[in-house]
Structure formats: structure tokens, C-alpha cells
């Protein structure tokens, strides 16, 4: 009997040990992201013009004539007919894998597609046509790792011949990950390395990385600026690529200058030599996500903390740029979770994420007075047009009519 009891006790111990071990293994699983990819040759066949589609993840917005273009992050561009801002209509979807930004001049749309620049003729919006593709003009393209991933496994990914188009998430034992898989998140998150007459130019939001100035298209990647001569709109030529700053996120142009927003600060370039911009100065702040807009002698930039950008505080900074060689901080205002922003007359519109759209009256360019918060929306970016304000947030496009020191609602359009 005693022997039998000992045997049963051992069985229970073994069983409990096995369960605990199994539970420990389950508790010690981590999320690993594996690249989904296709060959470059296959990737370049994926562009298509199709009927309107539900959006997956709304990105940047762009306005041109009576149309609004909404980026579907890394997938393409949705076209809305905005002839009646109270009732916008989705009319086309351009499938552009690896797309984040566009710019338009005289009915020619320029879009990034991972490593390539693709050109479309949109003069007939019902018959959009791809007319040119410049291959491998971008050395870096953005494709952020999912936030929930703690590691990546890109062992099967060929940097020279493949293009990343997405991520597959799976659970793996931590021990295996630590032994065999590593990630430099700071590097991989920001970049994946890859082997005249009067004109009509559209308007992008403050999160844009493309800007057209006269006959040139200026683009920024995580560390580089690439310039294209678009004198011949259907056949652009790459003129140069150079190091332009660290962890670049946005690009804004005003009165012959380029303002580059990075996670470290703001860089100012002059365009005296259009093909060779000269860096005049840099304004350094603590690390944080940083779009910038400029009006006259003042730049307004938001710094968003509490994320991968590296800082906890979120603020709006007003920078005196009257001396382009020596920008100085003029004032700072606390915010909650800021993204894009825009200026119209004496009003400054700031997208404060889940805290909504905030309207500041500019008593002076530096003295800002918060006059209204539209709190029932999630605000990501705005474009102050001549007669209306358009805003994107949470896969919804909002439009407002200007009033004195205020705005009134015109419409909301769900992109889902």
C-alpha cells in the first residue's frame, strides 16, 4: 500500500510538472512578424484601376480641383468626387502597392510604390492611365512593423529582388526567438532597404512627404531627399538623392524654402538652386513625431509623445523662422496626442488624435487662444482649402465650412 501511494504521488508530481511546464511555455510565447513579399517583377504588375473599394486603413489626404485623394496605407489611393462637399462620392480606386504619398500637377499624379515612382494621367478621371514608372529611385521605403510584434523573422526575404507587401503574425517560444531571431526596431520601423504656363498643383496635408515646387518634385524618405525634374510631366527624371536629416517624416514648402520635419527637429533648406537645395539650419527638439507647417515668419509643429517616436510629452511648438539660418522657439503649448495641423487666416487647426480637432485663434502668430475643441471625432490630418476645411480620422473624411473664428459641419464620409 505504501509503495502504491508513493507511485500515485509521483504520478501527480509528474502530471503537475508537465502541466506547469506546458503552461509556462504557453505563457512565454511572443509575437513574431514574418514578411509577406513578392518579386519586384510581380510587384510591378499589381497596379490597377478599379471601382470604389472599402478602405483598409486611411492614410494621407490630398486635394486637387474637385477631387479628394485618400491614401489606403501601402495599398493604393481612393478618389472622391467632391464637387458637392456635402455629398462626396467615391468614384475610383487606384491599386498602388507600397504607396504612402502622392502629388499632382496639371493632371499628372505622382505616387510612390515602394522603391518606384509611378506616374498616372488623370485628365479623364474615368479613364486613369499609368504612363510611366521610374524603377528603384527610392533606396528606402516605409513599411512599419506591427506594434504587437516583438521580433521579425525575414530569413527568407531577399533584399535585392523582393518587395515587402505585408506582415504575417505568429506566436513562437521566446527562447527560440531570443536564440535565432533579432530585430533593430528603430531601423526597421523607419525604413526597409531596397536594392512654363500657369500650372495647377494640388494640396497635401501636413503629413505629406511629397512637395511640388515649379518644375520639381521633392520627396523625402527616412534619411534622404530625392529630387525629380518634372518639366516633362509624363516623363520625370531623377536628378539627385542626398542625405537630408535623421528620421525624416514630413516635408512642407513655403516661399522658396523646404521645411523638413523629423523625429529630432526641423531642417530648413533653400531652393535658390532648385536641383541642389542648401541646408540653412536645423531646429532641434526632444525626440518625437513631428509634422510642420509654415505661415510667414512662423513655423508650427506638433510633437507627439508616448509612442515609438521616443518622447512622453505632446506639445505644439511655435518657431520663429524670420531668420532662416537661426530658427528659435517662440512658444510652446501642451497637447494630448497631436498629429497634423494647418493654417488658414488667423486660425490654426490642430489634429489632437483621440482628443479631437482643436481650433486656435492666432491673436498674434505666437499668442494662440484655444477657442473650440471638436471632441467627438478622431483627428489625424487637415487641409485648409480656400472655401472649406477637410480632415481625415478613423477612416472617415470630414468637411467643414469656415466661419469667423470657427467652423461649421458640412459632411462626414465613411471610407469603410
Protein backbone atom coordinates (compact mmCIF):
# COMPACT_ATOMS: atom_id res chain seq x y z
CA UNK A 1 0.00 0.00 0.00
CA UNK A 2 2.79 2.36 0.89
CA UNK A 3 4.50 1.62 -2.42
CA UNK A 4 1.26 2.26 -4.26
CA UNK A 5 0.80 5.62 -2.52
CA UNK A 6 4.34 6.65 -3.40
CA UNK A 7 3.71 5.69 -7.04
CA UNK A 8 0.49 7.74 -7.16
CA UNK A 9 2.26 10.70 -5.59
CA UNK A 10 4.98 10.54 -8.23
CA UNK A 11 2.35 10.45 -10.97
CA UNK A 12 0.67 13.56 -9.58
CA UNK A 13 4.02 15.38 -9.34
CA UNK A 14 4.94 14.43 -12.89
CA UNK A 15 1.49 15.49 -14.11
CA UNK A 16 1.64 18.82 -12.31
CA UNK A 17 5.18 19.43 -13.53
CA UNK A 18 4.13 18.67 -17.10
CA UNK A 19 1.12 20.99 -16.85
CA UNK A 20 3.19 23.77 -15.32
CA UNK A 21 5.84 23.33 -17.97
CA UNK A 22 3.19 23.44 -20.67
CA UNK A 23 1.57 26.47 -19.09
CA UNK A 24 4.95 28.17 -18.77
CA UNK A 25 5.63 27.51 -22.44
CA UNK A 26 2.25 28.96 -23.39
CA UNK A 27 2.83 31.99 -21.21
CA UNK A 28 6.26 32.51 -22.74
CA UNK A 29 5.14 32.82 -26.35
CA UNK A 30 5.91 36.05 -28.20
CA UNK A 31 4.55 37.59 -31.39
CA UNK A 32 6.85 37.37 -34.40
CA UNK A 33 6.26 39.22 -37.67
CA UNK A 34 7.26 37.46 -40.89
CA UNK A 35 7.40 39.49 -44.11
CA UNK A 36 4.90 38.81 -46.86
CA UNK A 37 6.57 39.60 -50.16
CA UNK A 38 6.58 39.20 -53.93
CA UNK A 39 9.28 39.55 -56.54
CA UNK A 40 9.90 43.01 -57.97
CA UNK A 41 8.75 41.88 -61.42
CA UNK A 42 5.46 40.59 -60.00
CA UNK A 43 5.08 43.65 -57.77
CA UNK A 44 5.23 46.00 -60.78
CA UNK A 45 2.29 44.23 -62.40
CA UNK A 46 -0.01 44.84 -59.44
CA UNK A 47 -1.08 48.43 -60.29
CA UNK A 48 -4.72 48.56 -61.33
CA UNK A 49 -7.63 50.99 -61.72
CA UNK A 50 -10.82 49.55 -60.23
CA UNK A 51 -14.24 50.50 -58.90
CA UNK A 52 -14.51 52.10 -55.43
CA UNK A 53 -13.47 49.79 -52.60
CA UNK A 54 -13.83 49.93 -48.79
CA UNK A 55 -10.69 51.39 -47.26
CA UNK A 56 -8.49 49.24 -45.04
CA UNK A 57 -6.50 51.94 -43.24
CA UNK A 58 -6.86 55.61 -44.14
CA UNK A 59 -3.53 57.39 -44.53
CA UNK A 60 -2.79 60.80 -46.01
CA UNK A 61 -5.16 63.10 -47.87
CA UNK A 62 -4.65 65.25 -50.95
CA UNK A 63 -6.91 67.78 -52.69
CA UNK A 64 -6.86 68.61 -56.40
CA UNK A 65 -9.61 70.53 -58.15
CA UNK A 66 -12.96 68.97 -57.32
CA UNK A 67 -11.36 65.74 -56.14
CA UNK A 68 -10.03 64.40 -52.87
CA UNK A 69 -7.49 61.58 -52.85
CA UNK A 70 -7.19 59.36 -49.78
CA UNK A 71 -4.27 57.01 -49.31
CA UNK A 72 -5.05 53.45 -48.24
CA UNK A 73 -1.82 52.74 -46.35
CA UNK A 74 0.57 50.69 -48.51
CA UNK A 75 -2.28 49.63 -50.80
CA UNK A 76 -3.40 52.47 -53.06
CA UNK A 77 -5.38 55.68 -53.49
CA UNK A 78 -9.14 56.26 -53.27
CA UNK A 79 -10.60 59.05 -55.45
CA UNK A 80 -13.62 61.02 -54.26
CA UNK A 81 -15.64 63.45 -56.36
CA UNK A 82 -16.04 66.48 -54.08
CA UNK A 83 -17.98 68.73 -56.43
CA UNK A 84 -20.60 68.91 -53.68
CA UNK A 85 -18.75 68.92 -50.32
CA UNK A 86 -22.00 68.00 -48.60
CA UNK A 87 -22.19 64.76 -50.59
CA UNK A 88 -18.77 63.49 -51.71
CA UNK A 89 -18.81 60.35 -53.83
CA UNK A 90 -16.24 57.59 -54.20
CA UNK A 91 -15.59 57.07 -57.91
CA UNK A 92 -12.32 55.17 -58.41
CA UNK A 93 -9.63 53.24 -56.60
CA UNK A 94 -6.05 53.11 -57.86
CA UNK A 95 -4.31 49.99 -56.61
CA UNK A 96 -0.71 51.04 -55.88
CA UNK A 97 1.05 48.56 -53.59
CA UNK A 98 3.57 50.14 -51.26
CA UNK A 99 2.03 53.62 -51.61
CA UNK A 100 2.12 56.35 -48.96
CA UNK A 101 2.26 59.69 -50.80
CA UNK A 102 1.09 61.45 -53.94
CA UNK A 103 1.44 64.85 -55.59
CA UNK A 104 -0.40 66.18 -58.64
CA UNK A 105 0.45 68.80 -61.25
CA UNK A 106 -1.59 69.58 -64.36
CA UNK A 107 -3.47 66.27 -64.28
CA UNK A 108 -0.38 64.11 -63.69
CA UNK A 109 -0.34 62.17 -60.45
CA UNK A 110 3.00 61.08 -58.97
CA UNK A 111 2.90 58.23 -56.44
CA UNK A 112 5.49 56.21 -54.61
CA UNK A 113 5.21 52.45 -54.92
CA UNK A 114 7.83 51.07 -52.53
CA UNK A 115 11.11 51.60 -54.45
CA UNK A 116 9.47 53.08 -57.57
CA UNK A 117 7.86 56.35 -58.66
CA UNK A 118 4.71 55.77 -60.73
CA UNK A 119 3.06 58.43 -62.93
CA UNK A 120 -0.63 58.49 -63.84
CA UNK A 121 -2.56 60.66 -66.29
CA UNK A 122 -5.80 61.67 -64.54
CA UNK A 123 -7.05 64.20 -67.13
CA UNK A 124 -10.00 61.85 -67.67
CA UNK A 125 -10.86 60.76 -64.14
CA UNK A 126 -12.95 57.91 -65.56
CA UNK A 127 -10.01 56.62 -67.56
CA UNK A 128 -6.96 56.95 -65.30
CA UNK A 129 -3.85 55.59 -67.00
CA UNK A 130 -0.38 54.64 -65.80
CA UNK A 131 2.03 56.41 -68.17
CA UNK A 132 5.46 55.98 -66.59
CA UNK A 133 7.38 54.14 -63.90
CA UNK A 134 10.84 55.02 -62.62
CA UNK A 135 12.26 51.89 -61.07
CA UNK A 136 14.42 51.73 -57.95
CA UNK A 137 14.57 55.50 -57.47
CA UNK A 138 13.91 55.24 -53.74
CA UNK A 139 16.54 53.46 -51.70
CA UNK A 140 14.25 53.26 -48.70
CA UNK A 141 10.55 52.64 -48.35
CA UNK A 142 8.40 52.68 -45.23
CA UNK A 143 6.57 49.58 -44.08
CA UNK A 144 6.21 49.67 -40.33
CA UNK A 145 6.29 46.52 -38.27
CA UNK A 146 3.00 45.79 -36.46
CA UNK A 147 3.09 47.26 -32.95
CA UNK A 148 2.31 43.93 -31.33
CA UNK A 149 5.37 42.21 -32.84
CA UNK A 150 8.41 41.91 -30.57
CA UNK A 151 10.63 40.41 -33.28
CA UNK A 152 10.79 39.76 -37.01
CA UNK A 153 11.94 36.76 -38.99
CA UNK A 154 12.90 37.80 -42.51
CA UNK A 155 15.28 34.94 -43.21
CA UNK A 156 13.54 34.08 -46.50
CA UNK A 157 13.29 37.70 -47.66
CA UNK A 158 15.73 38.69 -50.41
CA UNK A 159 16.57 42.37 -50.08
CA UNK A 160 17.68 42.72 -53.69
CA UNK A 161 14.87 41.02 -55.58
CA UNK A 162 11.80 41.03 -53.30
CA UNK A 163 9.34 43.72 -52.23
CA UNK A 164 7.66 43.68 -48.84
CA UNK A 165 3.87 43.93 -49.09
CA UNK A 166 2.70 42.99 -45.60
CA UNK A 167 3.32 41.07 -42.40
CA UNK A 168 2.18 37.69 -41.08
CA UNK A 169 1.98 37.43 -37.29
CA UNK A 170 2.55 34.18 -35.40
CA UNK A 171 3.31 33.04 -31.86
CA UNK A 172 6.69 31.44 -31.13
CA UNK A 173 8.54 30.41 -27.96
CA UNK A 174 10.55 33.28 -26.53
CA UNK A 175 13.62 31.09 -26.16
CA UNK A 176 13.60 30.32 -29.88
CA UNK A 177 13.17 33.98 -30.74
CA UNK A 178 16.00 35.11 -28.49
CA UNK A 179 18.35 32.48 -29.89
CA UNK A 180 17.56 32.73 -33.58
CA UNK A 181 15.70 35.97 -34.37
CA UNK A 182 16.68 39.56 -33.73
CA UNK A 183 15.41 42.98 -34.68
CA UNK A 184 16.69 46.53 -34.66
CA UNK A 185 13.24 48.09 -34.40
CA UNK A 186 14.47 51.67 -34.68
CA UNK A 187 15.97 50.96 -38.09
CA UNK A 188 13.42 48.51 -39.49
CA UNK A 189 10.40 50.56 -38.47
CA UNK A 190 11.54 53.62 -40.36
CA UNK A 191 12.95 52.01 -43.44
CA UNK A 192 13.16 48.80 -45.39
CA UNK A 193 16.22 48.88 -47.64
CA UNK A 194 15.62 48.05 -51.31
CA UNK A 195 18.35 47.09 -53.74
CA UNK A 196 6.24 77.48 -68.02
CA UNK A 197 2.48 78.21 -68.38
CA UNK A 198 0.43 78.68 -65.24
CA UNK A 199 0.19 75.33 -63.53
CA UNK A 200 -2.33 73.61 -61.33
CA UNK A 201 -0.83 71.86 -58.32
CA UNK A 202 -2.79 70.05 -55.65
CA UNK A 203 -2.55 70.43 -51.89
CA UNK A 204 -1.44 67.83 -49.40
CA UNK A 205 -1.75 67.71 -45.65
CA UNK A 206 0.99 68.36 -43.11
CA UNK A 207 1.92 64.67 -43.00
CA UNK A 208 2.99 64.72 -46.66
CA UNK A 209 6.45 63.65 -47.82
CA UNK A 210 5.99 64.87 -51.42
CA UNK A 211 6.04 68.53 -52.50
CA UNK A 212 5.94 70.04 -55.99
CA UNK A 213 7.67 73.39 -56.47
CA UNK A 214 7.67 74.74 -60.03
CA UNK A 215 9.21 72.05 -62.26
CA UNK A 216 10.48 69.82 -59.46
CA UNK A 217 9.06 67.12 -57.26
CA UNK A 218 10.79 66.91 -53.88
CA UNK A 219 10.42 63.73 -51.86
CA UNK A 220 11.82 62.62 -48.52
CA UNK A 221 12.45 59.19 -47.07
CA UNK A 222 13.72 58.33 -43.59
CA UNK A 223 17.14 59.95 -44.16
CA UNK A 224 17.25 61.10 -47.78
CA UNK A 225 15.76 63.68 -50.13
CA UNK A 226 15.21 62.66 -53.75
CA UNK A 227 14.51 65.26 -56.43
CA UNK A 228 12.77 64.76 -59.77
CA UNK A 229 12.64 67.16 -62.73
CA UNK A 230 9.03 67.11 -63.95
CA UNK A 231 9.35 69.67 -66.76
CA UNK A 232 8.07 66.88 -68.96
CA UNK A 233 5.16 65.82 -66.79
CA UNK A 234 4.76 62.38 -68.29
CA UNK A 235 8.48 61.61 -68.24
CA UNK A 236 10.05 62.79 -64.96
CA UNK A 237 13.78 62.41 -64.42
CA UNK A 238 15.53 61.76 -61.14
CA UNK A 239 18.15 64.47 -60.65
CA UNK A 240 19.67 63.68 -57.26
CA UNK A 241 19.45 61.90 -53.92
CA UNK A 242 21.28 63.09 -50.81
CA UNK A 243 21.31 62.75 -47.03
CA UNK A 244 18.86 65.33 -45.70
CA UNK A 245 18.49 64.59 -41.99
CA UNK A 246 17.77 61.95 -39.41
CA UNK A 247 14.45 60.05 -39.12
CA UNK A 248 12.59 62.31 -41.56
CA UNK A 249 8.80 62.13 -41.54
CA UNK A 250 7.31 65.14 -43.34
CA UNK A 251 8.05 67.84 -45.94
CA UNK A 252 6.48 71.30 -46.28
CA UNK A 253 7.29 74.05 -48.79
CA UNK A 254 6.70 77.78 -48.49
CA UNK A 255 8.08 80.82 -50.33
CA UNK A 256 11.17 79.17 -51.77
CA UNK A 257 12.08 77.06 -48.75
CA UNK A 258 11.64 73.45 -47.75
CA UNK A 259 10.86 72.60 -44.12
CA UNK A 260 11.73 69.03 -43.23
CA UNK A 261 10.11 67.53 -40.14
CA UNK A 262 11.96 64.73 -38.38
CA UNK A 263 11.70 62.98 -35.03
CA UNK A 264 14.68 65.08 -33.91
CA UNK A 265 13.57 68.50 -35.09
CA UNK A 266 13.09 70.67 -38.18
CA UNK A 267 15.55 71.32 -41.01
CA UNK A 268 15.32 74.32 -43.34
CA UNK A 269 16.58 74.21 -46.95
CA UNK A 270 16.58 77.00 -49.53
CA UNK A 271 15.71 76.43 -53.19
CA UNK A 272 17.94 79.03 -54.82
CA UNK A 273 19.40 76.12 -56.78
CA UNK A 274 16.30 74.02 -57.34
CA UNK A 275 18.22 70.83 -58.08
CA UNK A 276 20.59 71.27 -55.17
CA UNK A 277 18.78 72.58 -52.06
CA UNK A 278 21.07 74.10 -49.46
CA UNK A 279 20.62 73.31 -45.79
CA UNK A 280 20.45 76.60 -43.89
CA UNK A 281 19.74 75.47 -40.35
CA UNK A 282 18.15 72.96 -38.03
CA UNK A 283 15.94 73.39 -35.02
CA UNK A 284 16.46 70.51 -32.60
CA UNK A 285 13.89 69.39 -30.03
CA UNK A 286 13.45 66.27 -27.95
CA UNK A 287 12.64 63.13 -29.88
CA UNK A 288 9.02 62.96 -31.03
CA UNK A 289 6.86 62.60 -34.15
CA UNK A 290 6.93 65.94 -35.91
CA UNK A 291 4.80 67.38 -38.78
CA UNK A 292 5.34 71.08 -39.53
CA UNK A 293 3.51 73.88 -41.39
CA UNK A 294 4.72 77.43 -42.02
CA UNK A 295 2.93 80.75 -42.35
CA UNK A 296 5.02 83.87 -42.86
CA UNK A 297 7.80 84.13 -40.30
CA UNK A 298 6.50 81.35 -38.06
CA UNK A 299 6.50 77.58 -38.21
CA UNK A 300 4.07 75.46 -36.23
CA UNK A 301 4.98 71.91 -35.40
CA UNK A 302 3.45 69.23 -33.24
CA UNK A 303 5.48 66.74 -31.22
CA UNK A 304 3.65 63.56 -30.32
CA UNK A 305 4.98 61.54 -27.42
CA UNK A 306 4.07 58.27 -25.76
CA UNK A 307 4.94 56.10 -28.78
CA UNK A 308 7.81 54.73 -30.86
CA UNK A 309 8.95 58.28 -31.60
CA UNK A 310 10.64 58.29 -28.21
CA UNK A 311 9.18 61.03 -26.02
CA UNK A 312 6.37 61.11 -23.47
CA UNK A 313 5.28 64.75 -23.75
CA UNK A 314 3.00 66.05 -26.51
CA UNK A 315 3.17 69.72 -27.45
CA UNK A 316 2.61 72.35 -30.11
CA UNK A 317 5.69 74.49 -30.74
CA UNK A 318 5.76 77.90 -32.40
CA UNK A 319 9.12 78.57 -34.08
CA UNK A 320 10.32 81.99 -35.25
CA UNK A 321 11.83 81.38 -38.71
CA UNK A 322 12.24 85.01 -39.75
CA UNK A 323 15.98 84.28 -39.83
CA UNK A 324 16.13 81.03 -41.77
CA UNK A 325 19.67 80.43 -40.58
CA UNK A 326 18.71 80.68 -36.91
CA UNK A 327 15.17 79.43 -36.05
CA UNK A 328 14.23 79.97 -32.42
CA UNK A 329 11.49 78.69 -30.12
CA UNK A 330 8.86 81.37 -29.54
CA UNK A 331 6.23 79.48 -27.54
CA UNK A 332 5.05 76.02 -26.55
CA UNK A 333 1.53 74.73 -25.86
CA UNK A 334 0.55 71.42 -24.25
CA UNK A 335 -1.50 68.93 -26.27
CA UNK A 336 -2.73 65.38 -25.73
CA UNK A 337 -1.96 63.27 -28.80
CA UNK A 338 -1.22 65.56 -31.79
CA UNK A 339 -0.82 64.63 -35.44
CA UNK A 340 -1.31 67.01 -38.40
CA UNK A 341 -2.13 70.70 -38.47
CA UNK A 342 -2.95 73.56 -40.83
CA UNK A 343 -3.24 77.35 -41.01
CA UNK A 344 -5.99 79.46 -42.56
CA UNK A 345 -6.07 83.20 -41.97
CA UNK A 346 -5.94 83.87 -38.23
CA UNK A 347 -6.89 80.27 -37.40
CA UNK A 348 -4.65 77.32 -36.60
CA UNK A 349 -6.26 73.87 -36.81
CA UNK A 350 -4.56 71.08 -34.84
CA UNK A 351 -5.47 67.40 -35.04
CA UNK A 352 -5.11 66.12 -31.49
CA UNK A 353 -5.80 62.45 -32.20
CA UNK A 354 -8.46 60.96 -29.95
CA UNK A 355 -8.87 64.36 -28.27
CA UNK A 356 -10.38 65.69 -31.50
CA UNK A 357 -9.83 68.76 -33.66
CA UNK A 358 -8.66 71.90 -31.84
CA UNK A 359 -9.18 75.42 -33.17
CA UNK A 360 -6.77 78.13 -32.09
CA UNK A 361 -7.27 81.81 -32.77
CA UNK A 362 -3.93 83.42 -33.61
CA UNK A 363 -4.21 86.73 -31.79
CA UNK A 364 -0.63 87.10 -32.96
CA UNK A 365 1.44 84.39 -34.69
CA UNK A 366 2.73 83.42 -31.23
CA UNK A 367 -0.21 84.17 -28.94
CA UNK A 368 -2.67 81.33 -29.52
CA UNK A 369 -6.08 81.08 -27.91
CA UNK A 370 -7.97 77.76 -27.93
CA UNK A 371 -11.49 78.75 -29.00
CA UNK A 372 -13.06 75.36 -29.68
CA UNK A 373 -12.48 71.62 -29.45
CA UNK A 374 -14.48 69.26 -31.65
CA UNK A 375 -14.15 66.30 -29.35
CA UNK A 376 -16.46 63.76 -30.97
CA UNK A 377 -14.03 62.97 -33.79
CA UNK A 378 -10.65 61.34 -34.10
CA UNK A 379 -8.41 63.77 -35.96
CA UNK A 380 -5.29 62.80 -37.93
CA UNK A 381 -4.65 65.47 -40.58
CA UNK A 382 -6.27 68.53 -42.14
CA UNK A 383 -6.08 70.53 -45.36
CA UNK A 384 -7.35 74.12 -45.14
CA UNK A 385 -8.71 74.75 -48.65
CA UNK A 386 -9.92 78.08 -49.96
CA UNK A 387 -13.57 77.56 -49.09
CA UNK A 388 -13.59 74.60 -46.74
CA UNK A 389 -11.55 72.54 -44.30
CA UNK A 390 -11.12 68.82 -44.92
CA UNK A 391 -10.00 66.43 -42.21
CA UNK A 392 -9.25 62.72 -42.03
CA UNK A 393 -9.52 60.50 -38.99
CA UNK A 394 -10.56 56.95 -38.12
CA UNK A 395 -11.33 56.06 -41.78
CA UNK A 396 -13.73 59.00 -42.07
CA UNK A 397 -13.42 62.15 -44.16
CA UNK A 398 -14.90 65.27 -42.53
CA UNK A 399 -15.59 68.63 -44.18
CA UNK A 400 -16.31 71.98 -42.56
CA UNK A 401 -17.25 75.46 -43.73
CA UNK A 402 -15.30 78.44 -42.40
CA UNK A 403 -16.93 80.89 -40.04
CA UNK A 404 -15.41 83.80 -38.14
CA UNK A 405 -13.08 82.18 -35.59
CA UNK A 406 -14.98 78.93 -36.03
CA UNK A 407 -16.14 76.26 -38.49
CA UNK A 408 -19.49 74.60 -39.17
CA UNK A 409 -20.08 70.99 -40.16
CA UNK A 410 -20.68 70.19 -43.82
CA UNK A 411 -20.40 66.42 -44.11
CA UNK A 412 -18.78 63.20 -43.00
CA UNK A 413 -17.99 60.37 -45.38
CA UNK A 414 -17.18 56.88 -44.12
CA UNK A 415 -14.48 55.24 -46.20
CA UNK A 416 -15.24 51.74 -44.89
